[in-house]
PDB file of N, CA and C in Angstrom:
ATOM      1  N   UNK A   1       2.592   0.855 -42.221  1.00  0.00           N
ATOM      2  CA  UNK A   1       2.989  -0.612 -42.091  1.00  0.00           C
ATOM      3  C   UNK A   1       4.581  -0.815 -42.853  1.00  0.00           C
ATOM      4  N   UNK A   2       5.398  -1.629 -42.436  1.00  0.00           N
ATOM      5  CA  UNK A   2       6.943  -1.957 -42.355  1.00  0.00           C
ATOM      6  C   UNK A   2       6.808  -2.321 -43.871  1.00  0.00           C
ATOM      7  N   UNK A   3       7.695  -1.961 -44.652  1.00  0.00           N
ATOM      8  CA  UNK A   3       8.191  -2.275 -45.954  1.00  0.00           C
ATOM      9  C   UNK A   3       8.664  -3.709 -45.850  1.00  0.00           C
ATOM     10  N   UNK A   4       8.474  -4.717 -46.783  1.00  0.00           N
ATOM     11  CA  UNK A   4       9.194  -5.959 -46.931  1.00  0.00           C
ATOM     12  C   UNK A   4      10.645  -5.819 -46.813  1.00  0.00           C
ATOM     13  N   UNK A   5      11.023  -5.147 -47.422  1.00  0.00           N
ATOM     14  CA  UNK A   5      12.709  -5.226 -47.364  1.00  0.00           C
ATOM     15  C   UNK A   5      13.343  -4.642 -46.128  1.00  0.00           C
ATOM     16  N   UNK A   6      12.530  -3.457 -45.503  1.00  0.00           N
ATOM     17  CA  UNK A   6      13.150  -3.119 -44.578  1.00  0.00           C
ATOM     18  C   UNK A   6      12.857  -3.683 -43.158  1.00  0.00           C
ATOM     19  N   UNK A   7      12.012  -4.646 -43.158  1.00  0.00           N
ATOM     20  CA  UNK A   7      11.969  -5.413 -42.335  1.00  0.00           C
ATOM     21  C   UNK A   7      13.087  -6.506 -42.092  1.00  0.00           C
ATOM     22  N   UNK A   8      13.453  -6.947 -43.547  1.00  0.00           N
ATOM     23  CA  UNK A   8      14.630  -7.617 -43.695  1.00  0.00           C
ATOM     24  C   UNK A   8      15.842  -7.482 -43.294  1.00  0.00           C
ATOM     25  N   UNK A   9      15.633  -6.266 -43.083  1.00  0.00           N
ATOM     26  CA  UNK A   9      16.997  -5.396 -43.115  1.00  0.00           C
ATOM     27  C   UNK A   9      17.007  -5.219 -41.712  1.00  0.00           C
ATOM     28  N   UNK A  10      16.188  -4.813 -40.990  1.00  0.00           N
ATOM     29  CA  UNK A  10      15.953  -4.393 -39.252  1.00  0.00           C
ATOM     30  C   UNK A  10      16.230  -5.871 -38.652  1.00  0.00           C
ATOM     31  N   UNK A  11      15.751  -6.803 -39.569  1.00  0.00           N
ATOM     32  CA  UNK A  11      15.851  -8.154 -38.416  1.00  0.00           C
ATOM     33  C   UNK A  11      17.058  -8.752 -39.193  1.00  0.00           C
ATOM     34  N   UNK A  12      18.080  -8.515 -40.446  1.00  0.00           N
ATOM     35  CA  UNK A  12      19.393  -8.798 -39.851  1.00  0.00           C
ATOM     36  C   UNK A  12      20.235  -7.843 -39.356  1.00  0.00           C
ATOM     37  N   UNK A  13      20.067  -6.745 -38.657  1.00  0.00           N
ATOM     38  CA  UNK A  13      20.483  -5.692 -38.081  1.00  0.00           C
ATOM     39  C   UNK A  13      20.834  -6.451 -36.559  1.00  0.00           C
ATOM     40  N   UNK A  14      19.416  -7.149 -36.345  1.00  0.00           N
ATOM     41  CA  UNK A  14      19.437  -7.024 -34.911  1.00  0.00           C
ATOM     42  C   UNK A  14      19.794  -8.773 -34.696  1.00  0.00           C
ATOM     43  N   UNK A  15      19.844  -9.586 -36.113  1.00  0.00           N
ATOM     44  CA  UNK A  15      21.156 -10.792 -35.791  1.00  0.00           C
ATOM     45  C   UNK A  15      21.927 -11.026 -35.634  1.00  0.00           C
ATOM     46  N   UNK A  16      22.541  -9.320 -36.820  1.00  0.00           N
ATOM     47  CA  UNK A  16      24.377  -9.131 -36.525  1.00  0.00           C
ATOM     48  C   UNK A  16      24.621  -9.220 -34.793  1.00  0.00           C
ATOM     49  N   UNK A  17      23.788  -8.730 -34.150  1.00  0.00           N
ATOM     50  CA  UNK A  17      23.756  -8.386 -32.947  1.00  0.00           C
ATOM     51  C   UNK A  17      24.539  -9.328 -32.081  1.00  0.00           C
ATOM     52  N   UNK A  18      24.344 -10.767 -32.858  1.00  0.00           N
ATOM     53  CA  UNK A  18      24.815 -12.195 -32.171  1.00  0.00           C
ATOM     54  C   UNK A  18      26.370 -11.940 -32.049  1.00  0.00           C
ATOM     55  N   UNK A  19      26.598 -11.289 -33.063  1.00  0.00           N
ATOM     56  CA  UNK A  19      28.387 -11.733 -33.366  1.00  0.00           C
ATOM     57  C   UNK A  19      29.370 -11.089 -32.639  1.00  0.00           C
ATOM     58  N   UNK A  20      28.430  -9.574 -32.299  1.00  0.00           N
ATOM     59  CA  UNK A  20      29.241  -9.150 -30.908  1.00  0.00           C
ATOM     60  C   UNK A  20      29.103  -9.916 -29.810  1.00  0.00           C
ATOM     61  N   UNK A  21      27.755 -10.321 -29.444  1.00  0.00           N
ATOM     62  CA  UNK A  21      27.542 -11.536 -28.046  1.00  0.00           C
ATOM     63  C   UNK A  21      28.717 -12.550 -28.185  1.00  0.00           C
ATOM     64  N   UNK A  22      28.641 -13.228 -29.404  1.00  0.00           N
ATOM     65  CA  UNK A  22      29.655 -14.348 -28.679  1.00  0.00           C
ATOM     66  C   UNK A  22      30.961 -13.645 -29.266  1.00  0.00           C
ATOM     67  N   UNK A  23      31.574 -12.597 -29.522  1.00  0.00           N
ATOM     68  CA  UNK A  23      32.748 -12.116 -29.001  1.00  0.00           C
ATOM     69  C   UNK A  23      33.302 -12.380 -27.446  1.00  0.00           C
ATOM     70  N   UNK A  24      32.077 -11.245 -26.552  1.00  0.00           N
ATOM     71  CA  UNK A  24      31.807 -11.165 -25.506  1.00  0.00           C
ATOM     72  C   UNK A  24      32.623 -12.813 -25.203  1.00  0.00           C
ATOM     73  N   UNK A  25      31.209 -13.686 -25.484  1.00  0.00           N
ATOM     74  CA  UNK A  25      31.313 -14.907 -24.820  1.00  0.00           C
ATOM     75  C   UNK A  25      32.876 -15.716 -25.102  1.00  0.00           C
ATOM     76  N   UNK A  26      33.396 -15.426 -25.843  1.00  0.00           N
ATOM     77  CA  UNK A  26      34.857 -15.768 -26.267  1.00  0.00           C
ATOM     78  C   UNK A  26      36.152 -15.469 -25.482  1.00  0.00           C
ATOM     79  N   UNK A  27      35.767 -14.069 -25.231  1.00  0.00           N
ATOM     80  CA  UNK A  27      36.980 -13.049 -24.337  1.00  0.00           C
ATOM     81  C   UNK A  27      36.545 -13.705 -22.865  1.00  0.00           C
ATOM     82  N   UNK A  28      35.391 -14.009 -22.332  1.00  0.00           N
ATOM     83  CA  UNK A  28      34.780 -14.635 -21.124  1.00  0.00           C
ATOM     84  C   UNK A  28      35.839 -15.704 -20.975  1.00  0.00           C
ATOM     85  N   UNK A  29      35.584 -17.182 -22.473  1.00  0.00           N
ATOM     86  CA  UNK A  29      35.839 -18.333 -21.998  1.00  0.00           C
ATOM     87  C   UNK A  29      37.323 -18.172 -22.165  1.00  0.00           C
ATOM     88  N   UNK A  30      38.248 -17.264 -22.258  1.00  0.00           N
ATOM     89  CA  UNK A  30      39.954 -16.954 -22.578  1.00  0.00           C
ATOM     90  C   UNK A  30      39.833 -16.537 -21.116  1.00  0.00           C
ATOM     91  N   UNK A  31      39.197 -15.488 -20.722  1.00  0.00           N
ATOM     92  CA  UNK A  31      39.993 -15.085 -19.625  1.00  0.00           C
ATOM     93  C   UNK A  31      39.410 -16.050 -18.682  1.00  0.00           C
ATOM     94  N   UNK A  32      38.381 -16.966 -18.413  1.00  0.00           N
ATOM     95  CA  UNK A  32      38.129 -17.151 -17.030  1.00  0.00           C
ATOM     96  C   UNK A  32      39.542 -18.582 -17.101  1.00  0.00           C
ATOM     97  N   UNK A  33      39.453 -19.254 -18.530  1.00  0.00           N
ATOM     98  CA  UNK A  33      41.052 -20.213 -18.507  1.00  0.00           C
ATOM     99  C   UNK A  33      41.737 -20.004 -17.805  1.00  0.00           C
ATOM    100  N   UNK A  34      42.549 -18.693 -18.501  1.00  0.00           N
ATOM    101  CA  UNK A  34      43.406 -17.738 -17.855  1.00  0.00           C
ATOM    102  C   UNK A  34      43.844 -17.548 -16.337  1.00  0.00           C
ATOM    103  N   UNK A  35      42.431 -17.359 -15.893  1.00  0.00           N
ATOM    104  CA  UNK A  35      42.381 -17.127 -14.199  1.00  0.00           C
ATOM    105  C   UNK A  35      42.112 -18.246 -13.381  1.00  0.00           C
ATOM    106  N   UNK A  36      41.788 -19.553 -13.983  1.00  0.00           N
ATOM    107  CA  UNK A  36      42.272 -20.353 -13.498  1.00  0.00           C
ATOM    108  C   UNK A  36      43.475 -21.508 -13.639  1.00  0.00           C
ATOM    109  N   UNK A  37      43.798 -20.749 -14.896  1.00  0.00           N
ATOM    110  CA  UNK A  37      45.419 -21.071 -14.768  1.00  0.00           C
ATOM    111  C   UNK A  37      46.535 -21.079 -13.853  1.00  0.00           C
ATOM    112  N   UNK A  38      46.483 -19.425 -13.866  1.00  0.00           N
ATOM    113  CA  UNK A  38      47.117 -18.756 -13.093  1.00  0.00           C
ATOM    114  C   UNK A  38      46.949 -19.057 -11.720  1.00  0.00           C
ATOM    115  N   UNK A  39      45.946 -19.209 -11.246  1.00  0.00           N
ATOM    116  CA  UNK A  39      45.451 -19.686  -9.570  1.00  0.00           C
ATOM    117  C   UNK A  39      46.091 -21.464  -9.457  1.00  0.00           C
ATOM    118  N   UNK A  40      45.925 -22.560 -10.244  1.00  0.00           N
ATOM    119  CA  UNK A  40      46.747 -23.430 -10.349  1.00  0.00           C
ATOM    120  C   UNK A  40      47.089 -24.446 -11.644  1.00  0.00           C
ATOM    121  N   UNK A  41      48.557 -23.951 -12.130  1.00  0.00           N
ATOM    122  CA  UNK A  41      49.430 -24.149 -13.127  1.00  0.00           C
ATOM    123  C   UNK A  41      49.118 -25.628 -13.180  1.00  0.00           C
ATOM    124  N   UNK A  42      49.169 -26.295 -12.507  1.00  0.00           N
ATOM    125  CA  UNK A  42      49.118 -27.847 -12.836  1.00  0.00           C
ATOM    126  C   UNK A  42      48.116 -28.380 -13.314  1.00  0.00           C
ATOM    127  N   UNK A  43      46.892 -28.026 -13.026  1.00  0.00           N
ATOM    128  CA  UNK A  43      45.729 -28.229 -13.779  1.00  0.00           C
ATOM    129  C   UNK A  43      45.170 -28.004 -14.877  1.00  0.00           C
ATOM    130  N   UNK A  44      46.189 -26.725 -15.543  1.00  0.00           N
ATOM    131  CA  UNK A  44      45.578 -25.938 -16.908  1.00  0.00           C
ATOM    132  C   UNK A  44      45.795 -27.302 -18.126  1.00  0.00           C
ATOM    133  N   UNK A  45      46.844 -28.065 -18.020  1.00  0.00           N
ATOM    134  CA  UNK A  45      46.564 -28.900 -19.188  1.00  0.00           C
ATOM    135  C   UNK A  45      45.401 -29.600 -19.266  1.00  0.00           C
ATOM    136  N   UNK A  46      45.326 -29.977 -18.419  1.00  0.00           N
ATOM    137  CA  UNK A  46      44.010 -31.225 -18.317  1.00  0.00           C
ATOM    138  C   UNK A  46      42.708 -30.461 -18.468  1.00  0.00           C
ATOM    139  N   UNK A  47      42.563 -29.184 -18.447  1.00  0.00           N
ATOM    140  CA  UNK A  47      41.179 -28.216 -18.907  1.00  0.00           C
ATOM    141  C   UNK A  47      41.563 -27.282 -20.244  1.00  0.00           C
ATOM    142  N   UNK A  48      42.569 -28.111 -20.869  1.00  0.00           N
ATOM    143  CA  UNK A  48      42.793 -26.987 -22.402  1.00  0.00           C
ATOM    144  C   UNK A  48      41.821 -27.330 -23.078  1.00  0.00           C
ATOM    145  N   UNK A  49      41.018 -29.307 -22.710  1.00  0.00           N
ATOM    146  CA  UNK A  49      40.020 -29.203 -24.131  1.00  0.00           C
ATOM    147  C   UNK A  49      39.025 -28.679 -23.736  1.00  0.00           C
ATOM    148  N   UNK A  50      38.671 -28.303 -22.980  1.00  0.00           N
ATOM    149  CA  UNK A  50      37.463 -27.770 -22.312  1.00  0.00           C
ATOM    150  C   UNK A  50      36.918 -26.857 -22.728  1.00  0.00           C
ATOM    151  N   UNK A  51      38.660 -25.798 -22.495  1.00  0.00           N
ATOM    152  CA  UNK A  51      39.158 -24.786 -23.169  1.00  0.00           C
ATOM    153  C   UNK A  51      38.591 -24.351 -24.480  1.00  0.00           C
ATOM    154  N   UNK A  52      38.847 -25.521 -25.804  1.00  0.00           N
ATOM    155  CA  UNK A  52      38.875 -25.221 -27.313  1.00  0.00           C
ATOM    156  C   UNK A  52      36.892 -25.750 -27.138  1.00  0.00           C
ATOM    157  N   UNK A  53      36.507 -26.687 -26.512  1.00  0.00           N
ATOM    158  CA  UNK A  53      35.327 -26.718 -26.635  1.00  0.00           C
ATOM    159  C   UNK A  53      34.320 -25.502 -26.067  1.00  0.00           C
ATOM    160  N   UNK A  54      34.665 -24.681 -25.463  1.00  0.00           N
ATOM    161  CA  UNK A  54      33.988 -23.589 -25.171  1.00  0.00           C
ATOM    162  C   UNK A  54      34.040 -22.468 -26.047  1.00  0.00           C
ATOM    163  N   UNK A  55      35.127 -22.404 -26.711  1.00  0.00           N
ATOM    164  CA  UNK A  55      35.712 -21.761 -27.608  1.00  0.00           C
ATOM    165  C   UNK A  55      34.943 -21.881 -29.173  1.00  0.00           C
ATOM    166  N   UNK A  56      35.019 -23.055 -29.500  1.00  0.00           N
ATOM    167  CA  UNK A  56      33.507 -23.623 -30.827  1.00  0.00           C
ATOM    168  C   UNK A  56      32.537 -23.528 -30.327  1.00  0.00           C
ATOM    169  N   UNK A  57      32.094 -23.088 -29.241  1.00  0.00           N
ATOM    170  CA  UNK A  57      30.668 -23.597 -29.045  1.00  0.00           C
ATOM    171  C   UNK A  57      30.190 -22.691 -28.770  1.00  0.00           C
ATOM    172  N   UNK A  58      30.851 -20.886 -28.544  1.00  0.00           N
ATOM    173  CA  UNK A  58      30.589 -19.645 -28.540  1.00  0.00           C
ATOM    174  C   UNK A  58      30.757 -18.863 -29.843  1.00  0.00           C
ATOM    175  N   UNK A  59      31.707 -19.426 -30.426  1.00  0.00           N
ATOM    176  CA  UNK A  59      31.876 -19.240 -32.115  1.00  0.00           C
ATOM    177  C   UNK A  59      31.042 -19.566 -33.086  1.00  0.00           C
ATOM    178  N   UNK A  60      30.725 -21.298 -32.688  1.00  0.00           N
ATOM    179  CA  UNK A  60      29.867 -21.210 -33.653  1.00  0.00           C
ATOM    180  C   UNK A  60      28.449 -20.660 -33.583  1.00  0.00           C
ATOM    181  N   UNK A  61      28.227 -19.752 -32.172  1.00  0.00           N
ATOM    182  CA  UNK A  61      26.844 -19.057 -32.344  1.00  0.00           C
ATOM    183  C   UNK A  61      27.356 -18.044 -32.674  1.00  0.00           C
ATOM    184  N   UNK A  62      27.930 -17.250 -32.785  1.00  0.00           N
ATOM    185  CA  UNK A  62      28.059 -16.378 -33.655  1.00  0.00           C
ATOM    186  C   UNK A  62      28.358 -16.161 -35.072  1.00  0.00           C
ATOM    187  N   UNK A  63      29.496 -17.420 -35.751  1.00  0.00           N
ATOM    188  CA  UNK A  63      28.471 -17.533 -37.097  1.00  0.00           C
ATOM    189  C   UNK A  63      26.967 -18.658 -37.465  1.00  0.00           C
ATOM    190  N   UNK A  64      26.675 -18.987 -36.342  1.00  0.00           N
ATOM    191  CA  UNK A  64      25.076 -18.776 -36.823  1.00  0.00           C
ATOM    192  C   UNK A  64      24.654 -17.687 -37.246  1.00  0.00           C
ATOM    193  N   UNK A  65      24.590 -16.729 -36.137  1.00  0.00           N
ATOM    194  CA  UNK A  65      24.083 -15.506 -36.203  1.00  0.00           C
ATOM    195  C   UNK A  65      24.075 -14.449 -37.304  1.00  0.00           C
ATOM    196  N   UNK A  66      25.607 -14.499 -37.890  1.00  0.00           N
ATOM    197  CA  UNK A  66      26.102 -14.086 -38.816  1.00  0.00           C
ATOM    198  C   UNK A  66      25.718 -14.985 -40.302  1.00  0.00           C
ATOM    199  N   UNK A  67      25.268 -15.940 -40.342  1.00  0.00           N
ATOM    200  CA  UNK A  67      24.940 -16.887 -41.671  1.00  0.00           C
ATOM    201  C   UNK A  67      23.423 -16.474 -41.594  1.00  0.00           C
ATOM    202  N   UNK A  68      23.022 -16.338 -40.135  1.00  0.00           N
ATOM    203  CA  UNK A  68      20.922 -15.642 -40.416  1.00  0.00           C
ATOM    204  C   UNK A  68      20.736 -14.409 -40.882  1.00  0.00           C
ATOM    205  N   UNK A  69      21.920 -13.663 -40.684  1.00  0.00           N
ATOM    206  CA  UNK A  69      21.704 -12.169 -41.165  1.00  0.00           C
ATOM    207  C   UNK A  69      22.395 -11.946 -42.862  1.00  0.00           C
ATOM    208  N   UNK A  70      22.813 -12.630 -42.968  1.00  0.00           N
ATOM    209  CA  UNK A  70      23.440 -12.706 -44.643  1.00  0.00           C
ATOM    210  C   UNK A  70      22.128 -13.500 -45.266  1.00  0.00           C
ATOM    211  N   UNK A  71      21.517 -14.477 -45.174  1.00  0.00           N
ATOM    212  CA  UNK A  71      20.325 -14.853 -45.441  1.00  0.00           C
ATOM    213  C   UNK A  71      19.106 -14.026 -45.456  1.00  0.00           C
ATOM    214  N   UNK A  72      19.075 -12.853 -44.321  1.00  0.00           N
ATOM    215  CA  UNK A  72      18.001 -12.122 -44.563  1.00  0.00           C
ATOM    216  C   UNK A  72      18.380 -11.053 -45.523  1.00  0.00           C
ATOM    217  N   UNK A  73      19.556 -11.005 -45.690  1.00  0.00           N
ATOM    218  CA  UNK A  73      19.854  -9.594 -46.478  1.00  0.00           C
ATOM    219  C   UNK A  73      20.079 -10.332 -48.026  1.00  0.00           C
ATOM    220  N   UNK A  74      20.525 -11.381 -48.380  1.00  0.00           N
ATOM    221  CA  UNK A  74      20.457 -11.374 -49.727  1.00  0.00           C
ATOM    222  C   UNK A  74      19.381 -12.651 -50.088  1.00  0.00           C
ATOM    223  N   UNK A  75      18.844 -13.441 -49.449  1.00  0.00           N
ATOM    224  CA  UNK A  75      18.068 -14.338 -49.439  1.00  0.00           C
ATOM    225  C   UNK A  75      15.952 -13.800 -49.626  1.00  0.00           C
TER     226      UNK A  75
END
């Protein structure tokens, strides 16, 4: 059987994968915004609020996975 400390560290490592996935999400948000802004520069200002909402959502999920990993390691 697996030791409890080993299981905690394994779970923390799996939770840390969410940080890398969040960075991919942030990159996709900005890439799609730039793609749309270059196609239609007149609509870029109207979509900037949605850009920051998408960025904040993706970053929140990354921070949440980081907090879960830290809690698993130290708690």
